[in-house]
């Protein structure tokens, strides 16, 4: 059986019977006769070469094949309801929110930002990470709803985007409490020759930090440069070196006392942005996440 041979009208009738568990109720909902519904399902079974229901007395029980087909039908028609809901400016059933984030962004920051959506049973989240350009390409193609980034994007009349500033955080110097408790260092003056782990060259913070050290004539001993903030968090926790990063990256370790803050720098700031396309169809949960933060338009 080929896809072009699949009759989605028959599949829809099967889906309603499977969900309602009763031919008569399904026929009433579909405004047709019970015999018409039975005939549609029988034709679907003949095309598939498998039975979808078994009868136990007056009850219809899904076969193993029926259970499998129902799982796919739930996705097919659930997405159809979601599409219609979005086109009509309302939510129907569930809302799928597709979030992309640059790989250099803190996972803790991402979780904190989407946290309100985690408690909404009507929201299904899709989370992706990658390079900014790849994520923006998927955003423009409407394969993502929003991209979280720690840098803004240049104006491009051929690719209109809206970049909303979400906030910023100063950068800290952290280290294991077993080695650095009760110590305080200035950034960058006290870092000459100190073992240190830094964000990788692609991270927006790295150029800021390198320029700060060069201006002060300071040369820390670079032990690791890491693009992925989750890995930098592990290195900060387990290596014994100092690490330069936003505190949100290691919020749990700081709270439990595994790591301590050794120094702060107000000269180094990581900024967070939500990038979207000008869109005709609003996603209510996304609007709620974006509410109350300053805006920066990019045309």
Protein backbone atom coordinates (compact mmCIF):
# COMPACT_ATOMS: atom_id res chain seq x y z
CA UNK A 1 0.00 0.00 0.00
CA UNK A 2 1.39 3.39 -1.05
CA UNK A 3 0.74 6.67 0.75
CA UNK A 4 -1.34 7.98 -2.16
CA UNK A 5 -3.63 4.96 -1.69
CA UNK A 6 -4.36 5.84 1.94
CA UNK A 7 -7.85 7.30 2.27
CA UNK A 8 -7.65 9.84 5.09
CA UNK A 9 -11.44 10.09 5.20
CA UNK A 10 -11.56 6.40 6.14
CA UNK A 11 -8.74 6.96 8.63
CA UNK A 12 -10.68 9.82 10.23
CA UNK A 13 -13.74 7.61 10.71
CA UNK A 14 -11.56 4.94 12.30
CA UNK A 15 -9.99 7.57 14.60
CA UNK A 16 -13.35 8.80 15.88
CA UNK A 17 -14.62 5.27 16.53
CA UNK A 18 -11.38 4.35 18.32
CA UNK A 19 -11.51 7.51 20.46
CA UNK A 20 -15.19 7.19 21.31
CA UNK A 21 -15.11 3.40 21.62
CA UNK A 22 -18.55 3.03 20.05
CA UNK A 23 -19.90 2.91 16.48
CA UNK A 24 -23.24 4.53 17.29
CA UNK A 25 -21.72 7.51 19.11
CA UNK A 26 -19.20 8.00 16.31
CA UNK A 27 -21.97 7.91 13.69
CA UNK A 28 -23.96 10.52 15.65
CA UNK A 29 -20.91 12.79 15.91
CA UNK A 30 -20.18 12.39 12.19
CA UNK A 31 -23.84 12.90 11.22
CA UNK A 32 -24.02 9.66 9.27
CA UNK A 33 -25.33 6.13 9.73
CA UNK A 34 -23.68 3.37 11.72
CA UNK A 35 -23.55 1.20 8.60
CA UNK A 36 -21.73 3.95 6.68
CA UNK A 37 -19.09 4.21 9.42
CA UNK A 38 -18.67 0.41 9.47
CA UNK A 39 -18.25 0.35 5.70
CA UNK A 40 -15.57 3.06 5.81
CA UNK A 41 -13.58 1.20 8.46
CA UNK A 42 -13.96 -2.09 6.61
CA UNK A 43 -12.53 -0.51 3.46
CA UNK A 44 -9.59 0.85 5.47
CA UNK A 45 -8.93 -2.62 6.90
CA UNK A 46 -9.07 -4.15 3.42
CA UNK A 47 -6.55 -1.61 2.11
CA UNK A 48 -4.22 -2.25 5.04
CA UNK A 49 -4.72 -6.00 5.00
CA UNK A 50 -5.14 -6.02 8.79
CA UNK A 51 -8.02 -6.00 11.24
CA UNK A 52 -8.17 -2.84 13.35
CA UNK A 53 -10.96 -3.88 15.72
CA UNK A 54 -12.01 -7.13 17.37
CA UNK A 55 -15.50 -7.61 18.82
CA UNK A 56 -16.05 -8.73 22.40
CA UNK A 57 -19.79 -8.98 22.73
CA UNK A 58 -21.07 -5.52 21.84
CA UNK A 59 -17.73 -3.86 22.53
CA UNK A 60 -15.13 -2.91 19.92
CA UNK A 61 -11.57 -3.65 21.05
CA UNK A 62 -8.54 -2.34 19.19
CA UNK A 63 -6.20 -5.01 17.86
CA UNK A 64 -2.45 -4.56 18.14
CA UNK A 65 -2.48 -3.13 14.62
CA UNK A 66 -5.39 -0.90 15.60
CA UNK A 67 -3.42 0.46 18.56
CA UNK A 68 -0.50 1.29 16.26
CA UNK A 69 -2.72 2.98 13.67
CA UNK A 70 -4.49 4.94 16.43
CA UNK A 71 -1.15 6.32 17.68
CA UNK A 72 -0.37 7.66 14.21
CA UNK A 73 -3.92 8.92 13.68
CA UNK A 74 -3.69 10.86 16.96
CA UNK A 75 -0.61 12.65 15.62
CA UNK A 76 -2.09 13.26 12.16
CA UNK A 77 -5.42 14.67 13.29
CA UNK A 78 -4.01 16.31 16.42
CA UNK A 79 -1.65 18.33 14.22
CA UNK A 80 -4.56 19.09 11.91
CA UNK A 81 -6.56 20.51 14.81
CA UNK A 82 -3.52 22.49 15.95
CA UNK A 83 -3.02 23.92 12.45
CA UNK A 84 -6.65 25.04 12.20
CA UNK A 85 -6.50 26.52 15.67
CA UNK A 86 -3.42 28.58 14.83
CA UNK A 87 -4.89 29.77 11.51
CA UNK A 88 -8.07 30.82 13.29
CA UNK A 89 -6.19 32.60 16.07
CA UNK A 90 -7.10 30.18 18.81
CA UNK A 91 -5.72 27.06 20.41
CA UNK A 92 -7.35 23.74 19.56
CA UNK A 93 -6.41 20.87 21.83
CA UNK A 94 -2.68 21.41 22.21
CA UNK A 95 -0.21 24.11 21.27
CA UNK A 96 3.16 23.05 19.91
CA UNK A 97 5.94 25.53 20.70
CA UNK A 98 9.16 24.96 18.76
CA UNK A 99 12.17 26.63 20.39
CA UNK A 100 15.66 26.77 18.94
CA UNK A 101 18.67 27.94 20.95
CA UNK A 102 22.29 28.51 20.09
CA UNK A 103 24.57 25.77 21.38
CA UNK A 104 26.64 28.28 23.39
CA UNK A 105 23.67 29.35 25.53
CA UNK A 106 23.22 28.11 29.08
CA UNK A 107 20.74 25.24 29.37
CA UNK A 108 19.75 26.59 32.79
CA UNK A 109 18.84 29.93 31.23
CA UNK A 110 16.74 28.18 28.59
CA UNK A 111 14.90 26.13 31.20
CA UNK A 112 14.26 29.22 33.32
CA UNK A 113 12.82 31.02 30.29
CA UNK A 114 10.47 28.23 29.22
CA UNK A 115 9.51 27.28 32.79
CA UNK A 116 5.98 28.82 32.63
CA UNK A 117 5.23 26.60 29.62
CA UNK A 118 6.34 23.48 31.51
CA UNK A 119 3.32 23.72 33.81
CA UNK A 120 0.78 24.09 30.97
CA UNK A 121 -0.70 20.67 30.08
CA UNK A 122 -1.87 22.02 26.70
CA UNK A 123 1.68 22.85 25.53
CA UNK A 124 3.97 20.44 23.70
CA UNK A 125 7.57 21.69 23.50
CA UNK A 126 10.11 20.96 20.79
CA UNK A 127 13.62 22.09 21.77
CA UNK A 128 16.54 22.24 19.33
CA UNK A 129 20.08 23.59 19.58
CA UNK A 130 22.62 24.45 16.92
CA UNK A 131 24.50 27.23 15.18
CA UNK A 132 22.69 30.55 14.92
CA UNK A 133 22.57 30.71 11.12
CA UNK A 134 21.11 27.22 10.82
CA UNK A 135 18.47 28.01 13.43
CA UNK A 136 17.55 31.29 11.73
CA UNK A 137 17.12 29.46 8.41
CA UNK A 138 14.65 27.08 10.10
CA UNK A 139 12.92 30.05 11.76
CA UNK A 140 12.39 31.82 8.41
CA UNK A 141 10.99 28.56 6.97
CA UNK A 142 8.51 28.41 9.90
CA UNK A 143 10.08 25.20 11.23
CA UNK A 144 10.81 27.02 14.51
CA UNK A 145 8.69 29.59 16.37
CA UNK A 146 11.48 31.37 18.25
CA UNK A 147 15.26 31.26 18.50
CA UNK A 148 17.04 32.07 21.77
CA UNK A 149 20.48 33.60 21.26
CA UNK A 150 23.20 35.43 23.17
CA UNK A 151 23.87 37.80 20.27
CA UNK A 152 21.70 39.95 18.08
CA UNK A 153 21.42 39.56 14.32
CA UNK A 154 22.35 42.14 11.67
CA UNK A 155 19.65 43.97 9.76
CA UNK A 156 18.77 42.31 6.46
CA UNK A 157 15.88 43.62 4.33
CA UNK A 158 15.66 40.25 2.58
CA UNK A 159 15.21 38.44 5.89
CA UNK A 160 13.05 40.53 8.25
CA UNK A 161 13.44 39.40 11.84
CA UNK A 162 12.35 40.73 15.18
CA UNK A 163 14.94 40.57 17.97
CA UNK A 164 13.66 41.10 21.50
CA UNK A 165 16.09 41.78 24.32
CA UNK A 166 15.28 39.48 27.23
CA UNK A 167 17.90 40.56 29.74
CA UNK A 168 21.56 40.37 30.61
CA UNK A 169 23.80 38.97 33.30
CA UNK A 170 27.22 39.95 34.49
CA UNK A 171 29.95 37.34 34.32
CA UNK A 172 31.52 35.65 37.31
CA UNK A 173 34.68 33.78 38.11
CA UNK A 174 33.81 30.51 39.85
CA UNK A 175 35.79 27.64 41.29
CA UNK A 176 35.36 24.59 43.55
CA UNK A 177 34.67 25.52 47.16
CA UNK A 178 37.27 23.00 48.37
CA UNK A 179 40.01 25.11 46.78
CA UNK A 180 38.71 28.65 46.42
CA UNK A 181 36.44 29.26 49.43
CA UNK A 182 37.00 32.68 51.08
CA UNK A 183 39.21 33.88 48.21
CA UNK A 184 38.49 36.91 46.07
CA UNK A 185 40.12 37.82 42.75
CA UNK A 186 39.77 40.84 40.50
CA UNK A 187 38.91 40.30 36.83
CA UNK A 188 41.24 40.52 34.97
CA UNK A 189 43.98 42.02 37.16
CA UNK A 190 44.52 38.95 39.37
CA UNK A 191 44.31 36.31 36.64
CA UNK A 192 47.86 36.41 35.26
CA UNK A 193 49.12 32.80 35.10
CA UNK A 194 45.97 31.39 36.74
CA UNK A 195 44.57 28.09 35.38
CA UNK A 196 41.29 28.98 33.74
CA UNK A 197 38.49 27.51 31.59
CA UNK A 198 36.77 29.86 29.16
CA UNK A 199 33.85 29.91 26.74
CA UNK A 200 34.98 28.94 23.24
CA UNK A 201 35.92 31.41 20.49
CA UNK A 202 32.37 31.34 19.04
CA UNK A 203 30.84 32.55 22.30
CA UNK A 204 30.03 36.27 22.46
CA UNK A 205 31.73 36.50 25.88
CA UNK A 206 35.10 35.25 24.68
CA UNK A 207 36.02 38.30 22.60
CA UNK A 208 35.01 40.55 25.51
CA UNK A 209 37.18 38.63 27.95
CA UNK A 210 40.22 38.45 25.65
CA UNK A 211 40.03 42.21 24.99
CA UNK A 212 39.79 42.93 28.71
CA UNK A 213 42.89 40.83 29.45
CA UNK A 214 44.85 42.34 26.55
CA UNK A 215 44.09 45.88 27.73
CA UNK A 216 45.27 45.01 31.25
CA UNK A 217 48.36 43.14 30.00
CA UNK A 218 47.21 39.97 31.78
CA UNK A 219 47.72 36.41 30.45
CA UNK A 220 45.74 33.68 32.26
CA UNK A 221 46.83 30.10 31.66
CA UNK A 222 44.16 28.73 29.34
CA UNK A 223 43.34 25.12 30.26
CA UNK A 224 40.09 24.63 28.33
CA UNK A 225 37.88 26.53 25.92
CA UNK A 226 34.37 25.14 25.66
CA UNK A 227 31.47 26.19 23.42
CA UNK A 228 28.88 24.09 25.20
CA UNK A 229 27.83 25.68 28.50
CA UNK A 230 26.76 22.33 29.96
CA UNK A 231 30.29 20.99 29.44
CA UNK A 232 31.86 24.19 30.82
CA UNK A 233 29.70 23.71 33.92
CA UNK A 234 31.09 20.17 34.38
CA UNK A 235 34.67 21.37 33.94
CA UNK A 236 34.12 24.17 36.45
CA UNK A 237 32.78 21.60 38.90
CA UNK A 238 35.36 18.84 38.46
CA UNK A 239 38.66 20.31 37.22
CA UNK A 240 39.81 22.48 40.11
CA UNK A 241 40.40 25.36 37.68
CA UNK A 242 38.58 28.66 37.69
CA UNK A 243 35.93 29.24 35.04
CA UNK A 244 34.53 32.42 33.54
CA UNK A 245 30.78 32.14 32.93
CA UNK A 246 27.35 33.55 33.83
CA UNK A 247 26.21 32.37 37.26
CA UNK A 248 23.00 30.96 35.76
CA UNK A 249 25.10 28.21 34.17
CA UNK A 250 26.13 26.87 37.59
CA UNK A 251 23.15 28.01 39.65
CA UNK A 252 22.61 24.55 41.17
CA UNK A 253 26.28 24.09 42.15
CA UNK A 254 26.38 27.56 43.72
CA UNK A 255 23.19 26.85 45.65
CA UNK A 256 24.55 23.58 47.06
CA UNK A 257 27.96 25.11 47.85
CA UNK A 258 29.91 22.85 45.48
CA UNK A 259 31.17 25.94 43.65
CA UNK A 260 31.80 29.45 44.94
CA UNK A 261 32.04 32.84 43.26
CA UNK A 262 35.64 34.06 43.37
CA UNK A 263 35.12 37.30 41.44
CA UNK A 264 32.65 39.40 39.42
CA UNK A 265 33.01 41.56 36.34
CA UNK A 266 30.47 44.21 35.43
CA UNK A 267 32.56 44.92 32.30
CA UNK A 268 31.59 41.50 30.92
CA UNK A 269 27.91 40.96 30.14
CA UNK A 270 26.06 38.15 28.42
CA UNK A 271 22.92 39.38 26.72
CA UNK A 272 19.95 37.20 25.87
CA UNK A 273 17.61 37.66 22.90
CA UNK A 274 14.47 36.05 21.51
CA UNK A 275 14.40 36.16 17.71
CA UNK A 276 11.12 35.72 15.84
CA UNK A 277 9.72 36.40 12.38
CA UNK A 278 6.95 38.93 11.76
CA UNK A 279 4.06 36.52 11.96
CA UNK A 280 0.42 36.73 11.12
CA UNK A 281 -0.67 33.94 13.44
CA UNK A 282 -0.07 34.48 17.15
CA UNK A 283 1.03 31.68 19.48
CA UNK A 284 -0.45 32.63 22.83
CA UNK A 285 2.06 30.76 24.99
CA UNK A 286 4.97 32.40 23.12
CA UNK A 287 3.42 35.84 23.55
CA UNK A 288 3.18 35.18 27.27
CA UNK A 289 6.85 34.19 27.46
CA UNK A 290 7.84 37.36 25.62
CA UNK A 291 5.62 39.71 27.63
CA UNK A 292 7.19 42.34 29.82
CA UNK A 293 10.68 42.45 28.30
CA UNK A 294 12.25 45.36 26.37
CA UNK A 295 12.11 45.18 22.60
CA UNK A 296 14.63 45.84 19.86
CA UNK A 297 13.27 45.77 16.33
CA UNK A 298 15.28 44.53 13.38
CA UNK A 299 13.99 45.21 9.89
